[in-house]
Amino acid sequence: MTGFKAFTKQDLPFNPLIALDDEWMLISAEKDGKANTMTASWGGFGILWSKPVAYIVLRPQRYTKEFVDAAERFSLSFFGGGQKKALGYLGTVSGRDSDKISQTGLTLKSENGVPYFEEAKTVLVCKKLFRQPMTAESFVVPEVARVNYPGGDFHTLYIGEIEQIRL
């Protein structure tokens, strides 16, 4: 590997490994004119079907799943490590029970029916292309399913085409 410089994930300007694992994101969608959001740290990015894509996973009990299922598009908002307190709150309180967004001090915006947050450093607007529930039988390494899904509440995988990147 001569000629290449080794980087840590901290060295890259927008690194999905940092953005997801260390900084988190908000997944937001709209249903019947109402927006909902949740904090997530699992997902990824790549090229699939000759398109730039993001993939997210949602557990069946998450209220935001109903919104993503109903919407044609969803957004992913990244805050660059800022707003951790607000993201922590949005990840633990359900929008089913309260207007949790108003409790954070974040400014919810919407464009063409896709909600996002004004304070975000990066927003990806994604068009939903694919949805597939995960199952125990799908895991090549059964231990991954046992460790991450002891209650059997497998995620649904969503793949969305990244239509817009807002910085």
Protein backbone atom coordinates (compact mmCIF):
# COMPACT_ATOMS: atom_id res chain seq x y z
CA MET A 1 0.00 0.00 0.00
CA THR A 2 2.77 2.42 -0.84
CA GLY A 3 1.68 5.87 -1.91
CA PHE A 4 -1.35 5.87 0.39
CA LYS A 5 -1.61 7.78 3.62
CA ALA A 6 -3.37 6.07 6.50
CA PHE A 7 -6.20 8.07 8.06
CA THR A 8 -8.16 7.55 11.21
CA LYS A 9 -11.88 8.15 11.02
CA GLN A 10 -11.34 11.45 12.89
CA ASP A 11 -9.21 12.83 10.02
CA LEU A 12 -11.86 12.83 7.28
CA PRO A 13 -14.00 15.99 6.80
CA PHE A 14 -17.43 14.26 6.73
CA ASN A 15 -16.91 10.75 7.74
CA PRO A 16 -19.98 8.56 8.02
CA LEU A 17 -18.27 6.44 10.67
CA ILE A 18 -17.92 9.49 12.94
CA ALA A 19 -21.24 11.04 11.91
CA LEU A 20 -23.20 7.91 12.76
CA ASP A 21 -21.31 6.26 15.60
CA ASP A 22 -20.02 9.24 17.55
CA GLU A 23 -22.25 12.18 16.60
CA TRP A 24 -25.56 10.49 15.68
CA MET A 25 -28.23 11.69 13.27
CA LEU A 26 -31.92 12.49 13.28
CA ILE A 27 -34.20 10.52 10.96
CA SER A 28 -37.26 12.64 10.14
CA ALA A 29 -40.37 12.11 8.06
CA GLU A 30 -43.86 13.53 7.69
CA LYS A 31 -47.24 11.83 7.80
CA ASP A 32 -50.62 13.56 7.47
CA GLY A 33 -48.97 16.98 7.79
CA LYS A 34 -47.20 16.11 11.06
CA ALA A 35 -43.45 15.54 11.43
CA ASN A 36 -41.67 13.10 13.70
CA THR A 37 -38.01 12.41 14.29
CA MET A 38 -35.74 10.01 16.14
CA THR A 39 -32.06 9.76 16.92
CA ALA A 40 -30.10 6.97 15.26
CA SER A 41 -26.53 5.78 15.18
CA TRP A 42 -26.88 2.78 12.86
CA GLY A 43 -26.95 3.12 9.10
CA GLY A 44 -24.65 3.74 6.20
CA PHE A 45 -23.96 5.23 2.79
CA GLY A 46 -22.84 3.95 -0.57
CA ILE A 47 -23.67 3.39 -4.19
CA LEU A 48 -26.40 0.92 -5.07
CA TRP A 49 -28.32 0.54 -8.31
CA SER A 50 -25.99 3.24 -9.74
CA LYS A 51 -27.38 5.74 -7.22
CA PRO A 52 -25.93 7.41 -4.13
CA VAL A 53 -27.85 5.89 -1.24
CA ALA A 54 -28.24 5.99 2.51
CA TYR A 55 -29.56 3.09 4.47
CA ILE A 56 -31.27 3.28 7.83
CA VAL A 57 -32.82 0.71 10.13
CA LEU A 58 -35.91 1.19 12.29
CA ARG A 59 -37.28 -1.09 14.98
CA PRO A 60 -40.99 -1.93 14.75
CA GLN A 61 -41.90 -0.16 18.01
CA ARG A 62 -40.45 3.21 16.98
CA TYR A 63 -43.11 5.83 16.25
CA THR A 64 -40.92 7.35 13.54
CA LYS A 65 -41.22 4.09 11.59
CA GLU A 66 -44.89 4.88 10.93
CA PHE A 67 -43.84 8.21 9.43
CA VAL A 68 -41.06 6.76 7.26
CA ASP A 69 -43.44 4.01 6.08
CA ALA A 70 -46.07 6.60 5.10
CA ALA A 71 -43.69 9.07 3.43
CA GLU A 72 -42.07 8.98 0.01
CA ARG A 73 -39.02 10.82 1.38
CA PHE A 74 -37.18 11.19 4.68
CA SER A 75 -34.29 13.32 5.88
CA LEU A 76 -31.12 12.61 7.80
CA SER A 77 -29.85 15.57 9.83
CA PHE A 78 -26.28 15.67 11.13
CA PHE A 79 -25.13 18.20 13.70
CA GLY A 80 -21.36 17.65 13.66
CA GLY A 81 -21.25 16.63 17.31
CA GLY A 82 -23.33 19.58 18.49
CA GLN A 83 -26.77 19.26 20.02
CA LYS A 84 -25.96 15.94 21.76
CA LYS A 85 -28.31 16.76 24.64
CA ALA A 86 -31.20 17.40 22.24
CA LEU A 87 -30.40 14.29 20.21
CA GLY A 88 -30.25 12.22 23.39
CA TYR A 89 -33.69 13.50 24.34
CA LEU A 90 -35.15 12.86 20.88
CA GLY A 91 -33.79 9.32 21.01
CA THR A 92 -35.42 8.43 24.32
CA VAL A 93 -38.78 10.26 24.31
CA SER A 94 -41.56 9.17 21.97
CA GLY A 95 -43.40 11.63 19.77
CA ARG A 96 -46.45 9.45 20.40
CA ASP A 97 -46.70 10.84 23.92
CA SER A 98 -45.63 14.47 23.53
CA ASP A 99 -44.46 17.21 21.17
CA LYS A 100 -40.87 16.21 21.86
CA ILE A 101 -39.35 18.39 19.14
CA SER A 102 -40.59 21.59 20.79
CA GLN A 103 -38.81 20.57 24.02
CA THR A 104 -35.35 20.58 22.39
CA GLY A 105 -34.99 24.14 21.15
CA LEU A 106 -34.26 22.83 17.64
CA THR A 107 -35.97 24.53 14.70
CA LEU A 108 -38.01 22.16 12.57
CA LYS A 109 -38.26 23.16 8.91
CA SER A 110 -39.99 21.44 6.03
CA GLU A 111 -39.52 21.61 2.29
CA ASN A 112 -41.82 19.75 -0.10
CA GLY A 113 -43.14 17.65 2.78
CA VAL A 114 -39.69 16.61 4.05
CA PRO A 115 -38.88 17.79 7.58
CA TYR A 116 -35.34 18.67 8.64
CA PHE A 117 -33.59 20.82 11.25
CA GLU A 118 -32.25 24.31 10.67
CA GLU A 119 -29.38 23.82 13.13
CA ALA A 120 -28.00 20.78 11.28
CA LYS A 121 -24.60 21.09 9.62
CA THR A 122 -25.54 18.55 6.93
CA VAL A 123 -28.96 17.33 5.78
CA LEU A 124 -29.53 14.48 3.35
CA VAL A 125 -32.92 14.28 1.66
CA CYS A 126 -33.62 10.69 0.63
CA LYS A 127 -36.26 9.15 -1.61
CA LYS A 128 -37.33 5.77 -0.29
CA LEU A 129 -36.39 2.99 -2.74
CA PHE A 130 -36.46 -0.20 -0.68
CA ARG A 131 -37.86 -1.59 2.57
CA GLN A 132 -37.26 -5.06 3.97
CA PRO A 133 -37.82 -6.47 7.47
CA MET A 134 -34.85 -8.32 8.92
CA THR A 135 -35.40 -11.86 10.17
CA ALA A 136 -33.39 -14.24 12.36
CA GLU A 137 -32.89 -16.51 9.35
CA SER A 138 -31.23 -13.70 7.39
CA PHE A 139 -28.22 -13.51 9.68
CA VAL A 140 -25.17 -15.40 8.45
CA VAL A 141 -23.68 -15.06 11.95
CA PRO A 142 -26.51 -16.03 14.34
CA GLU A 143 -24.67 -14.47 17.29
CA VAL A 144 -25.28 -11.00 15.80
CA ALA A 145 -29.04 -11.61 15.96
CA ARG A 146 -28.86 -13.09 19.48
CA VAL A 147 -26.86 -10.17 20.86
CA ASN A 148 -28.71 -7.33 19.11
CA TYR A 149 -32.26 -8.71 19.08
CA PRO A 150 -32.81 -10.69 22.29
CA GLY A 151 -36.49 -9.69 22.18
CA GLY A 152 -36.92 -10.53 18.51
CA ASP A 153 -37.71 -6.91 17.57
CA PHE A 154 -35.77 -6.98 14.31
CA HIS A 155 -35.20 -3.75 12.42
CA THR A 156 -36.66 -2.97 9.03
CA LEU A 157 -33.97 -1.92 6.56
CA TYR A 158 -34.70 1.12 4.38
CA ILE A 159 -32.60 2.23 1.44
CA GLY A 160 -33.11 5.75 0.17
CA GLU A 161 -31.63 7.52 -2.83
CA ILE A 162 -29.81 10.65 -1.67
CA GLU A 163 -31.52 13.31 -3.77
CA GLN A 164 -30.14 16.38 -2.02
CA ILE A 165 -27.21 17.16 0.23
CA ARG A 166 -27.62 20.42 2.12
CA LEU A 167 -24.60 21.89 3.87
